[in-house]
């Protein structure tokens, strides 16, 4: 997943996707700072960093900082409540 700023980047964390931040935030983005994404400056930088994906050192366990473990159950409860209201 490559992006500059989007909730999709955060959502991708929960699915264990490799995230690359491109553009002016490539070094200062919170996901890069927390070792949850890799900053890239250009196409050549991206190609170099993706030659060996095992060396990315992305901390997927830290993704729970953004998501509750019971998020699915909470969302289902919310939907049940919304459906049962007139």
N, C-alpha and C. Protein backbone atom coordinates (compact mmCIF):
# COMPACT_ATOMS: atom_id res chain seq x y z
N UNK A 1 0.85 -1.15 0.00
CA UNK A 1 0.00 0.00 0.00
C UNK A 1 0.91 1.23 0.00
N UNK A 2 0.67 2.11 -0.95
CA UNK A 2 1.45 3.35 -1.04
C UNK A 2 0.49 4.52 -0.93
N UNK A 3 0.83 5.49 -0.08
CA UNK A 3 -0.01 6.67 0.04
C UNK A 3 0.70 7.79 0.74
N UNK A 4 0.01 8.92 0.79
CA UNK A 4 0.53 10.09 1.51
C UNK A 4 -0.19 10.25 2.84
N UNK A 5 -1.51 10.26 2.77
CA UNK A 5 -2.31 10.38 3.99
C UNK A 5 -3.72 9.90 3.67
N UNK A 6 -4.14 8.86 4.34
CA UNK A 6 -5.45 8.29 4.13
C UNK A 6 -5.77 7.32 5.25
N UNK A 7 -7.03 7.18 5.58
CA UNK A 7 -7.40 6.18 6.59
C UNK A 7 -7.13 4.77 6.07
N UNK A 8 -7.06 4.62 4.76
CA UNK A 8 -6.76 3.31 4.17
C UNK A 8 -5.40 2.81 4.66
N UNK A 9 -4.46 3.70 4.84
CA UNK A 9 -3.15 3.30 5.34
C UNK A 9 -3.27 2.69 6.73
N UNK A 10 -4.05 3.32 7.58
CA UNK A 10 -4.24 2.81 8.94
C UNK A 10 -5.02 1.50 8.93
N UNK A 11 -6.03 1.44 8.09
CA UNK A 11 -6.83 0.22 7.98
C UNK A 11 -6.00 -0.95 7.47
N UNK A 12 -5.05 -0.68 6.62
CA UNK A 12 -4.19 -1.72 6.06
C UNK A 12 -3.32 -2.37 7.13
N UNK A 13 -3.04 -1.63 8.18
CA UNK A 13 -2.23 -2.18 9.27
C UNK A 13 -2.84 -3.45 9.84
N UNK A 14 -4.14 -3.42 10.04
CA UNK A 14 -4.82 -4.54 10.67
C UNK A 14 -4.74 -5.79 9.81
N UNK A 15 -4.52 -5.62 8.52
CA UNK A 15 -4.41 -6.75 7.61
C UNK A 15 -2.97 -7.14 7.31
N UNK A 16 -2.03 -6.52 8.03
CA UNK A 16 -0.62 -6.88 7.89
C UNK A 16 -0.01 -6.50 6.55
N UNK A 17 -0.53 -5.48 5.93
CA UNK A 17 -0.01 -5.03 4.64
C UNK A 17 1.22 -4.14 4.82
N UNK A 18 2.12 -4.22 3.87
CA UNK A 18 3.27 -3.32 3.88
C UNK A 18 2.79 -1.94 3.45
N UNK A 19 3.15 -0.94 4.23
CA UNK A 19 2.70 0.42 3.97
C UNK A 19 3.90 1.30 3.68
N UNK A 20 3.78 2.07 2.61
CA UNK A 20 4.83 3.00 2.22
C UNK A 20 4.22 4.39 2.16
N UNK A 21 4.87 5.34 2.83
CA UNK A 21 4.42 6.72 2.83
C UNK A 21 5.27 7.49 1.84
N UNK A 22 4.60 8.13 0.90
CA UNK A 22 5.27 8.86 -0.16
C UNK A 22 5.00 10.35 -0.01
N UNK A 23 5.95 11.15 -0.37
CA UNK A 23 5.73 12.59 -0.41
C UNK A 23 6.36 13.32 0.76
N UNK A 24 5.81 14.48 1.04
CA UNK A 24 6.42 15.36 2.04
C UNK A 24 6.41 14.77 3.45
N UNK A 25 5.55 13.78 3.71
CA UNK A 25 5.47 13.18 5.05
C UNK A 25 6.29 11.89 5.16
N UNK A 26 7.10 11.59 4.16
CA UNK A 26 7.80 10.31 4.12
C UNK A 26 8.74 10.08 5.31
N UNK A 27 9.14 11.14 5.98
CA UNK A 27 10.03 11.00 7.14
C UNK A 27 9.35 11.39 8.45
N UNK A 28 8.25 12.12 8.38
CA UNK A 28 7.63 12.64 9.61
C UNK A 28 6.25 12.07 9.89
N UNK A 29 5.76 11.22 9.02
CA UNK A 29 4.43 10.64 9.21
C UNK A 29 4.43 9.78 10.48
N UNK A 30 3.36 9.84 11.28
CA UNK A 30 3.30 9.05 12.52
C UNK A 30 3.52 7.56 12.30
N UNK A 31 3.05 7.01 11.20
CA UNK A 31 3.26 5.59 10.94
C UNK A 31 4.73 5.27 10.70
N UNK A 32 5.44 6.17 10.06
CA UNK A 32 6.88 5.97 9.83
C UNK A 32 7.63 6.09 11.15
N UNK A 33 7.28 7.08 11.93
CA UNK A 33 7.96 7.31 13.22
C UNK A 33 7.76 6.12 14.16
N UNK A 34 6.58 5.51 14.12
CA UNK A 34 6.29 4.38 15.01
C UNK A 34 6.69 3.03 14.41
N UNK A 35 7.44 3.07 13.32
CA UNK A 35 7.93 1.86 12.66
C UNK A 35 6.79 0.96 12.17
N UNK A 36 5.72 1.61 11.70
CA UNK A 36 4.59 0.88 11.15
C UNK A 36 4.52 1.03 9.63
N UNK A 37 5.34 1.89 9.07
CA UNK A 37 5.38 2.12 7.64
C UNK A 37 6.78 2.55 7.24
N UNK A 38 7.03 2.47 5.96
CA UNK A 38 8.33 2.84 5.41
C UNK A 38 8.17 4.11 4.57
N UNK A 39 8.98 5.09 4.83
CA UNK A 39 8.95 6.31 4.04
C UNK A 39 9.73 6.13 2.75
N UNK A 40 9.16 6.60 1.66
CA UNK A 40 9.85 6.54 0.37
C UNK A 40 9.83 7.93 -0.27
N UNK A 41 10.90 8.25 -0.96
CA UNK A 41 11.02 9.57 -1.56
C UNK A 41 10.77 9.59 -3.06
N UNK A 42 10.95 8.44 -3.73
CA UNK A 42 10.75 8.37 -5.17
C UNK A 42 10.64 6.91 -5.58
N UNK A 43 10.45 6.68 -6.87
CA UNK A 43 10.27 5.31 -7.38
C UNK A 43 11.52 4.47 -7.13
N UNK A 44 12.68 5.05 -7.35
CA UNK A 44 13.93 4.31 -7.15
C UNK A 44 14.08 3.89 -5.69
N UNK A 45 13.72 4.78 -4.78
CA UNK A 45 13.77 4.47 -3.34
C UNK A 45 12.82 3.32 -3.02
N UNK A 46 11.62 3.36 -3.58
CA UNK A 46 10.64 2.28 -3.37
C UNK A 46 11.18 0.95 -3.88
N UNK A 47 11.73 0.95 -5.09
CA UNK A 47 12.26 -0.29 -5.67
C UNK A 47 13.39 -0.85 -4.84
N UNK A 48 14.25 0.02 -4.36
CA UNK A 48 15.37 -0.43 -3.52
C UNK A 48 14.87 -1.05 -2.21
N UNK A 49 13.91 -0.40 -1.58
CA UNK A 49 13.42 -0.87 -0.28
C UNK A 49 12.56 -2.12 -0.39
N UNK A 50 12.03 -2.40 -1.58
CA UNK A 50 11.19 -3.58 -1.74
C UNK A 50 11.91 -4.75 -2.38
N UNK A 51 13.20 -4.65 -2.58
CA UNK A 51 13.96 -5.78 -3.12
C UNK A 51 13.90 -6.97 -2.17
N UNK A 52 13.93 -6.69 -0.88
CA UNK A 52 13.87 -7.75 0.13
C UNK A 52 12.87 -7.31 1.20
N UNK A 53 11.65 -7.79 1.10
CA UNK A 53 10.58 -7.36 2.02
C UNK A 53 10.80 -7.85 3.45
N UNK A 54 11.68 -8.83 3.64
CA UNK A 54 11.93 -9.32 5.00
C UNK A 54 12.72 -8.31 5.83
N UNK A 55 13.35 -7.35 5.19
CA UNK A 55 14.15 -6.35 5.90
C UNK A 55 13.40 -5.07 6.23
N UNK A 56 12.08 -5.04 6.04
CA UNK A 56 11.33 -3.82 6.28
C UNK A 56 11.18 -3.49 7.75
N UNK A 57 11.18 -4.50 8.61
CA UNK A 57 11.08 -4.32 10.06
C UNK A 57 9.84 -3.53 10.49
N UNK A 58 8.71 -3.83 9.89
CA UNK A 58 7.46 -3.18 10.28
C UNK A 58 6.90 -3.89 11.50
N UNK A 59 6.53 -3.12 12.50
CA UNK A 59 6.03 -3.65 13.76
C UNK A 59 4.50 -3.79 13.71
N UNK A 60 4.02 -4.89 13.15
CA UNK A 60 2.58 -5.08 12.98
C UNK A 60 1.84 -5.19 14.31
N UNK A 61 2.50 -5.68 15.34
CA UNK A 61 1.84 -5.80 16.65
C UNK A 61 1.47 -4.43 17.21
N UNK A 62 2.21 -3.42 16.85
CA UNK A 62 1.91 -2.07 17.33
C UNK A 62 0.65 -1.51 16.68
N UNK A 63 0.12 -2.19 15.67
CA UNK A 63 -1.11 -1.72 15.01
C UNK A 63 -2.28 -1.71 15.98
N UNK A 64 -2.23 -2.50 17.01
CA UNK A 64 -3.32 -2.51 17.99
C UNK A 64 -3.43 -1.18 18.72
N UNK A 65 -2.44 -0.34 18.58
CA UNK A 65 -2.51 1.01 19.12
C UNK A 65 -3.68 1.76 18.48
N UNK A 66 -3.97 1.46 17.23
CA UNK A 66 -5.02 2.14 16.49
C UNK A 66 -6.35 1.40 16.52
N UNK A 67 -6.34 0.12 16.87
CA UNK A 67 -7.54 -0.68 16.80
C UNK A 67 -7.75 -1.48 18.08
N UNK A 68 -8.98 -1.52 18.55
CA UNK A 68 -9.32 -2.36 19.69
C UNK A 68 -9.42 -3.81 19.21
N UNK A 69 -9.01 -4.75 20.04
CA UNK A 69 -9.08 -6.15 19.66
C UNK A 69 -10.52 -6.61 19.45
N UNK A 70 -11.47 -5.98 20.10
CA UNK A 70 -12.87 -6.39 19.98
C UNK A 70 -13.66 -5.44 19.07
N UNK A 71 -13.01 -4.84 18.12
CA UNK A 71 -13.66 -3.86 17.24
C UNK A 71 -14.81 -4.48 16.47
N UNK A 72 -14.65 -5.71 16.00
CA UNK A 72 -15.71 -6.36 15.23
C UNK A 72 -16.97 -6.52 16.08
N UNK A 73 -16.79 -6.99 17.30
CA UNK A 73 -17.94 -7.18 18.19
C UNK A 73 -18.61 -5.85 18.51
N UNK A 74 -17.80 -4.83 18.73
CA UNK A 74 -18.36 -3.51 19.02
C UNK A 74 -19.16 -2.98 17.84
N UNK A 75 -18.66 -3.19 16.63
CA UNK A 75 -19.36 -2.72 15.44
C UNK A 75 -20.66 -3.48 15.24
N UNK A 76 -20.63 -4.79 15.48
CA UNK A 76 -21.85 -5.59 15.35
C UNK A 76 -22.90 -5.14 16.37
N UNK A 77 -22.49 -4.86 17.58
CA UNK A 77 -23.39 -4.37 18.62
C UNK A 77 -24.00 -3.04 18.20
N UNK A 78 -23.19 -2.16 17.65
CA UNK A 78 -23.67 -0.87 17.16
C UNK A 78 -24.73 -1.07 16.08
N UNK A 79 -24.46 -1.96 15.12
CA UNK A 79 -25.40 -2.20 14.03
C UNK A 79 -26.71 -2.80 14.55
N UNK A 80 -26.62 -3.74 15.49
CA UNK A 80 -27.84 -4.32 16.06
C UNK A 80 -28.69 -3.24 16.72
N UNK A 81 -28.04 -2.35 17.43
CA UNK A 81 -28.75 -1.25 18.09
C UNK A 81 -29.38 -0.30 17.08
N UNK A 82 -28.67 -0.02 16.01
CA UNK A 82 -29.17 0.89 14.99
C UNK A 82 -30.36 0.28 14.23
N UNK A 83 -30.30 -1.02 13.99
CA UNK A 83 -31.38 -1.69 13.26
C UNK A 83 -32.65 -1.77 14.10
N UNK A 84 -32.49 -1.94 15.40
CA UNK A 84 -33.63 -2.12 16.29
C UNK A 84 -34.29 -0.81 16.68
N UNK A 85 -33.76 0.31 16.24
CA UNK A 85 -34.36 1.61 16.56
C UNK A 85 -35.33 2.01 15.46
N UNK A 86 -36.40 2.66 15.85
CA UNK A 86 -37.37 3.14 14.85
C UNK A 86 -37.01 4.51 14.38
